[in-house]
N, C-alpha and C. Protein backbone atom coordinates (compact mmCIF):
# COMPACT_ATOMS: atom_id res chain seq x y z
N THR A 1 142.53 106.75 95.28
CA THR A 1 141.20 106.48 94.75
C THR A 1 140.85 105.00 94.90
N ASN A 2 139.56 104.74 94.92
CA ASN A 2 139.03 103.38 94.96
C ASN A 2 138.37 103.07 93.63
N ILE A 3 138.03 101.81 93.43
CA ILE A 3 137.30 101.38 92.25
C ILE A 3 135.92 100.91 92.69
N CYS A 4 134.88 101.41 92.05
CA CYS A 4 133.52 101.00 92.36
C CYS A 4 133.32 99.54 91.96
N THR A 5 132.71 98.76 92.86
CA THR A 5 132.49 97.35 92.57
C THR A 5 131.38 97.14 91.55
N ASN A 6 130.54 98.15 91.36
CA ASN A 6 129.42 98.00 90.43
C ASN A 6 129.77 98.46 89.02
N CYS A 7 130.27 99.69 88.88
CA CYS A 7 130.52 100.24 87.53
C CYS A 7 132.00 100.31 87.17
N LYS A 8 132.88 99.96 88.10
CA LYS A 8 134.34 99.93 87.89
C LYS A 8 134.94 101.31 87.63
N SER A 9 134.26 102.38 88.07
CA SER A 9 134.78 103.74 87.93
C SER A 9 135.72 104.07 89.08
N SER A 10 136.65 104.97 88.84
CA SER A 10 137.51 105.46 89.92
C SER A 10 136.72 106.46 90.75
N ILE A 11 136.77 106.29 92.07
CA ILE A 11 136.04 107.19 92.96
C ILE A 11 136.98 107.66 94.07
N PRO A 12 136.77 108.87 94.60
CA PRO A 12 137.61 109.37 95.69
C PRO A 12 137.47 108.51 96.94
N LEU A 13 138.51 108.49 97.76
CA LEU A 13 138.49 107.69 98.98
C LEU A 13 137.41 108.14 99.96
N ASN A 14 137.14 109.43 100.03
CA ASN A 14 136.18 109.94 101.00
C ASN A 14 134.74 109.95 100.49
N SER A 15 134.50 109.43 99.32
CA SER A 15 133.16 109.42 98.75
C SER A 15 132.42 108.17 99.19
N ASN A 16 131.24 108.34 99.81
CA ASN A 16 130.48 107.15 100.23
C ASN A 16 129.75 106.54 99.05
N PRO A 17 128.80 107.23 98.40
CA PRO A 17 128.26 106.59 97.20
C PRO A 17 129.19 106.86 96.02
N CYS A 18 129.19 105.94 95.09
CA CYS A 18 129.95 106.14 93.85
C CYS A 18 129.40 107.37 93.15
N VAL A 19 130.26 108.22 92.64
CA VAL A 19 129.81 109.45 92.00
C VAL A 19 129.22 109.19 90.62
N VAL A 20 129.42 108.00 90.07
CA VAL A 20 128.90 107.67 88.75
C VAL A 20 127.57 106.93 88.84
N CYS A 21 127.55 105.81 89.58
CA CYS A 21 126.34 104.97 89.61
C CYS A 21 125.59 105.03 90.94
N GLU A 22 126.13 105.77 91.92
CA GLU A 22 125.52 105.97 93.24
C GLU A 22 125.41 104.69 94.07
N THR A 23 126.22 103.69 93.78
CA THR A 23 126.28 102.49 94.60
C THR A 23 127.02 102.83 95.89
N PRO A 24 126.48 102.43 97.05
CA PRO A 24 127.20 102.69 98.30
C PRO A 24 128.57 102.00 98.30
N THR A 25 129.59 102.69 98.79
CA THR A 25 130.93 102.11 98.85
C THR A 25 131.34 101.78 100.27
N ARG A 26 130.66 102.32 101.24
CA ARG A 26 130.97 102.09 102.65
C ARG A 26 129.70 101.75 103.41
N ILE A 27 129.86 100.97 104.48
CA ILE A 27 128.76 100.65 105.37
C ILE A 27 129.22 100.96 106.79
N LEU A 28 128.34 101.57 107.56
CA LEU A 28 128.66 101.98 108.92
C LEU A 28 128.37 100.84 109.89
N CYS A 29 129.33 100.54 110.74
CA CYS A 29 129.13 99.49 111.74
C CYS A 29 128.14 100.00 112.79
N PRO A 30 127.08 99.24 113.09
CA PRO A 30 126.10 99.71 114.08
C PRO A 30 126.66 99.73 115.50
N HIS A 31 127.74 98.99 115.74
CA HIS A 31 128.30 98.90 117.09
C HIS A 31 129.35 99.98 117.36
N CYS A 32 130.39 100.05 116.55
CA CYS A 32 131.50 100.98 116.81
C CYS A 32 131.51 102.20 115.88
N LYS A 33 130.59 102.25 114.91
CA LYS A 33 130.43 103.38 113.98
C LYS A 33 131.60 103.58 113.03
N SER A 34 132.43 102.58 112.84
CA SER A 34 133.52 102.70 111.87
C SER A 34 132.98 102.42 110.47
N ARG A 35 133.63 103.03 109.47
CA ARG A 35 133.22 102.83 108.08
C ARG A 35 133.96 101.62 107.52
N ASN A 36 133.20 100.69 106.94
CA ASN A 36 133.75 99.46 106.38
C ASN A 36 133.44 99.38 104.90
N SER A 37 134.25 98.66 104.17
CA SER A 37 133.96 98.43 102.76
C SER A 37 132.65 97.67 102.63
N ILE A 38 131.94 97.93 101.56
CA ILE A 38 130.61 97.37 101.36
C ILE A 38 130.63 95.86 101.22
N HIS A 39 131.73 95.28 100.78
CA HIS A 39 131.79 93.84 100.56
C HIS A 39 132.06 93.03 101.83
N LEU A 40 132.38 93.69 102.95
CA LEU A 40 132.66 92.98 104.20
C LEU A 40 131.38 92.55 104.90
N ARG A 41 131.42 91.41 105.55
CA ARG A 41 130.27 90.91 106.32
C ARG A 41 130.40 91.26 107.80
N THR A 42 131.64 91.43 108.28
CA THR A 42 131.87 91.80 109.67
C THR A 42 132.77 93.03 109.71
N CYS A 43 132.63 93.80 110.77
CA CYS A 43 133.42 95.02 110.94
C CYS A 43 134.88 94.66 111.13
N TYR A 44 135.77 95.39 110.49
CA TYR A 44 137.20 95.09 110.61
C TYR A 44 137.78 95.61 111.93
N ILE A 45 137.05 96.44 112.68
CA ILE A 45 137.51 96.93 113.98
C ILE A 45 137.00 96.04 115.12
N CYS A 46 135.67 95.89 115.21
CA CYS A 46 135.09 95.16 116.35
C CYS A 46 134.56 93.78 116.00
N GLU A 47 134.60 93.41 114.72
CA GLU A 47 134.13 92.12 114.22
C GLU A 47 132.64 91.87 114.44
N ASN A 48 131.90 92.94 114.63
CA ASN A 48 130.45 92.84 114.74
C ASN A 48 129.87 92.59 113.34
N VAL A 49 128.74 91.88 113.28
CA VAL A 49 128.10 91.61 112.00
C VAL A 49 127.55 92.91 111.43
N LEU A 50 127.85 93.17 110.17
CA LEU A 50 127.38 94.39 109.52
C LEU A 50 126.01 94.16 108.92
N ILE A 51 125.16 95.16 109.04
CA ILE A 51 123.82 95.10 108.46
C ILE A 51 123.94 95.58 107.02
N PRO A 52 123.54 94.75 106.05
CA PRO A 52 123.65 95.19 104.65
C PRO A 52 122.70 96.34 104.35
N THR A 53 123.10 97.17 103.41
CA THR A 53 122.24 98.27 102.98
C THR A 53 121.11 97.72 102.13
N SER A 54 120.07 98.51 101.97
CA SER A 54 118.90 98.05 101.22
C SER A 54 119.20 97.86 99.74
N THR A 55 120.20 98.58 99.22
CA THR A 55 120.54 98.45 97.81
C THR A 55 121.99 98.02 97.69
N SER A 56 122.22 96.75 97.81
CA SER A 56 123.58 96.25 97.67
C SER A 56 123.93 96.14 96.18
N PRO A 57 125.21 96.12 95.82
CA PRO A 57 125.58 96.00 94.42
C PRO A 57 125.03 94.74 93.76
N GLU A 58 124.89 93.65 94.52
CA GLU A 58 124.35 92.42 93.95
C GLU A 58 122.90 92.62 93.52
N LYS A 59 122.14 93.34 94.34
CA LYS A 59 120.74 93.58 94.01
C LYS A 59 120.59 94.59 92.88
N ARG A 60 121.51 95.56 92.81
CA ARG A 60 121.42 96.58 91.77
C ARG A 60 121.67 96.00 90.39
N THR A 61 122.52 94.99 90.29
CA THR A 61 122.81 94.42 88.99
C THR A 61 121.65 93.59 88.46
N SER A 62 120.73 93.19 89.36
CA SER A 62 119.60 92.39 88.91
C SER A 62 118.46 93.24 88.37
N ILE A 63 118.58 94.56 88.46
CA ILE A 63 117.55 95.45 87.94
C ILE A 63 117.60 95.41 86.42
N SER A 64 116.45 95.16 85.81
CA SER A 64 116.44 95.09 84.36
C SER A 64 116.40 96.49 83.76
N VAL A 65 117.00 96.62 82.63
CA VAL A 65 117.04 97.89 81.93
C VAL A 65 115.68 98.15 81.30
N PRO A 66 115.08 99.30 81.58
CA PRO A 66 113.78 99.57 80.97
C PRO A 66 113.92 99.77 79.47
N THR A 67 112.93 99.35 78.76
CA THR A 67 112.96 99.49 77.31
C THR A 67 112.23 100.77 76.92
N ILE A 68 112.60 101.29 75.78
CA ILE A 68 111.90 102.46 75.26
C ILE A 68 111.19 102.05 73.99
N SER A 69 110.12 102.74 73.70
CA SER A 69 109.36 102.38 72.51
C SER A 69 110.15 102.77 71.26
N LYS A 70 110.16 101.88 70.28
CA LYS A 70 110.87 102.15 69.04
C LYS A 70 110.03 103.09 68.18
N GLN A 71 110.68 104.11 67.69
CA GLN A 71 110.02 105.02 66.78
C GLN A 71 110.31 104.55 65.37
N THR A 72 109.32 104.63 64.53
CA THR A 72 109.50 104.19 63.15
C THR A 72 110.43 105.15 62.41
N ASN A 73 111.21 104.61 61.50
CA ASN A 73 112.15 105.37 60.66
C ASN A 73 113.23 106.09 61.48
N THR A 74 113.57 105.58 62.66
CA THR A 74 114.61 106.19 63.48
C THR A 74 115.67 105.14 63.78
N MET A 75 116.91 105.47 63.51
CA MET A 75 118.02 104.58 63.81
C MET A 75 118.40 104.76 65.27
N MET A 76 118.53 103.66 66.00
CA MET A 76 118.86 103.73 67.42
C MET A 76 120.26 103.14 67.64
N MET A 77 120.95 103.62 68.66
CA MET A 77 122.27 103.13 69.02
C MET A 77 122.13 102.25 70.26
N THR A 78 122.88 101.15 70.31
CA THR A 78 122.85 100.25 71.45
C THR A 78 124.04 100.53 72.36
N CYS A 79 123.76 100.67 73.66
CA CYS A 79 124.82 100.89 74.65
C CYS A 79 125.65 99.61 74.76
N SER A 80 126.97 99.75 74.76
CA SER A 80 127.85 98.58 74.83
C SER A 80 127.90 97.97 76.23
N LYS A 81 127.45 98.71 77.25
CA LYS A 81 127.49 98.18 78.61
C LYS A 81 126.18 97.50 79.01
N CYS A 82 125.04 98.18 78.79
CA CYS A 82 123.76 97.62 79.25
C CYS A 82 122.84 97.21 78.11
N PHE A 83 123.23 97.48 76.87
CA PHE A 83 122.50 97.10 75.65
C PHE A 83 121.15 97.81 75.50
N ARG A 84 120.98 98.95 76.15
CA ARG A 84 119.75 99.72 75.99
C ARG A 84 119.83 100.49 74.68
N LEU A 85 118.69 100.64 74.03
CA LEU A 85 118.63 101.43 72.80
C LEU A 85 118.54 102.91 73.17
N ASN A 86 119.39 103.71 72.55
CA ASN A 86 119.45 105.14 72.82
C ASN A 86 119.33 105.93 71.53
N ASN A 87 119.01 107.18 71.69
CA ASN A 87 118.96 108.12 70.58
C ASN A 87 120.37 108.23 70.00
N PRO A 88 120.53 108.20 68.69
CA PRO A 88 121.89 108.24 68.10
C PRO A 88 122.63 109.55 68.35
N THR A 89 121.93 110.62 68.70
CA THR A 89 122.60 111.89 68.98
C THR A 89 123.03 112.01 70.44
N ALA A 90 122.65 111.05 71.28
CA ALA A 90 123.01 111.10 72.70
C ALA A 90 124.49 110.81 72.89
N ARG A 91 125.14 111.57 73.76
CA ARG A 91 126.55 111.35 74.05
C ARG A 91 126.76 110.25 75.07
N PHE A 92 125.74 110.03 75.93
CA PHE A 92 125.83 109.03 76.98
C PHE A 92 124.54 108.22 77.02
N CYS A 93 124.63 107.01 77.52
CA CYS A 93 123.45 106.17 77.70
C CYS A 93 122.55 106.81 78.76
N ASP A 94 121.25 106.82 78.53
CA ASP A 94 120.35 107.44 79.51
C ASP A 94 120.01 106.50 80.65
N TRP A 95 120.51 105.26 80.62
CA TRP A 95 120.26 104.33 81.72
C TRP A 95 121.51 104.14 82.58
N CYS A 96 122.62 103.84 81.96
CA CYS A 96 123.82 103.57 82.79
C CYS A 96 124.84 104.68 82.65
């Protein structure tokens, strides 16, 4: 298994996007078509410059968490990872 660079979840070796946060884990070399780790700048086979994907992990972390409107007389729970306010009966954060 690999570790996702964005959410730190364990992911299978053959999985391209992370199964948890959908961050790409591999990038295809435009020259030799080999699969490279997303953090590499050049292909490890042919050393060709890799074209970054449109949603790199660095760009995904800069996305702000949307806020939800506070309902009066309702206790909200804060997610420990992204600090979004969630319904107290929710088992998982609806953002991350």
